[in-house]
Amino acid sequence: MPRTRPVLLTGSLLACLAAASVALLHSGATGSGFLYGYAGTWALFAAAVVALRTVPARSVAPLVLAGAIVVTATGLVAQPRTSTDSYRYAWDGRVQAAGTSPYDHAPADRAVEGLRDGWLFPGPEVCATKDHDLAPLADGGCTRINRPTVHTIYPPVAEGWFLLVHAVSPDQVRHKALQAGGALLSLAVTGLLTGVSRRRGDPRRAAWWGWCPAVPVEAVNNAHIDTLAVLLSVAVVVVVARHRIVGGLLLGAAVAAKLLPLLLVPGTLSGIRRPRPALATLTAVAVSVGALYLPYVLVSRQPVLGYLTGYAQEEGYEDAAAGRRYALLRLLLPDAWALPAAALVLLAVAVAVWRHQDPERPWSGALVTVGAAFLVLTPGYSWYALLLIALVVLDGRWEWLAIAGAGAVAYLAGPATAPAYGCAALAVGIGWWLRRTRAPGPAPENPRLRAEPHPSEDPGLPAAR
């Protein structure tokens, strides 16, 4: 019986976490109200992870996987709660199925008016409700798609996923198909992380992804395409040290799913001094990205980068005074200096990772680069941190999860962006200091174990090498 108590305790906490997640997603809370409930699920998550440490080793992997299935499934219980991005995904899939490039027309264009349906483009009676999730159209109608007057921003692997989900989905399935796809991708990430952790001797850290409240909310309920990029990114950092070309090709696919994995490049080059493996990796990345973009370039009449530059301007990445980006740097520097300062900091971090990180642990350098980028850029979208969470699982430095929490605060309570990321930076700094002070030093020499010189050796001369 005593051996089953830790399992029962952990299972009970997981049940509470699942119930809290369902209640949160079914609640009508928005903004700060949603954030408070979300913080409660994170507290239950932390308690379950701590309880897992007492579970017998043979029960850990089954419990991690079972808990991941339950927690992930909670994201399916409601329509998207905090993001409308999946509606654009559904539209892009529908447009491609009709034989049109998703890069050629914005959803509001008259040229694709015949593809509109009542789910994404409701009738006048729904438009009259002034629902905050509905975007008005010039013709007096409305749509659930955000930014309906701009072209899509998503890269080709993402577009391929949208088309695949559309092709295998029954009619009138609405958002559920994308949520189900997000759940499958999330569980695939859990399985991959569990397998990697088991080979290292302890699969407990896989729970940091599988049970994390960000997974049911962002990866499943909001169905963000970032989850596909995370799955590919985990594969990249696991294989790249042994298979440079394969790792580079996978990294190119990850970048072509979401541009954020570009931040993994310094980590994949950690500790490399010889040009050949570095060039093999970078060339494979470039070839992969080019090959994946090429079909869309050939069939599209418009640029395949879509709204990328407009998005950078809208979010304040080009003009720091226009938004809440570079929030920590702007506490110390004038707004006009924020962008060049951010570029210098990120360049310095990338060089340091390349020169000093362990080439056998590319995920460690990748975590530093991605985490530093979040602290410098202070993005306002919480789902970006899904990549960081997976890297934390691989590397084990749990304090970096504070950055994921900061992203949620920035998204749901925008004015608190600087304090949230400041607290996350403090948590990372404290974690670094504690690990440094606790690092074991060289073992003291035992005089009894000191080897006596051989009679033929002169103790006054250095040993031969």
Foldseek 3Di string as FASTA:
>chain_A
DVLCVLVVVLVVLLVVLLVLLLCLQPDPDFFVRSLVSLVVSQVSLVVSLVSLVSHDQVCNLVSLLVSLLSLQCSLLNHAQDQDLQVLLLLVLLQCVVVVAHQQAAFQLDPVCVVSDDCLFWNDPVVVVVVPVQWAAHPVGTIGNHPPRHWGDQAFQLSSVVSNVLNVPDDPPPPSNSLLVVLSVLQSLLLVVLQVVVVVVPHSSLSSLRSSRNCSSNPSRNVSDLLSVLLSLLVVLQQCCLPPQLVSLLSLLSSCRGPVLSVLLLLLLLFQDDDVPSNCSNPVSSVVNVCVSRVVSVVRHPHDPSICVVVVCVCQCLVFVVNHCWQVQVVVPDPRVCLNVVLVVVLVVLSVCRNNPPDNNRSLVSSLSNSLSNCLRGLGQALSVCSNNSSSCSSVVLVLLCLSSSLNVCCNSPVVCNNVSSVVSVVSVVVSVVVCVVPPDDDDDDDVVPDDDDDPVDDVVDDDDD
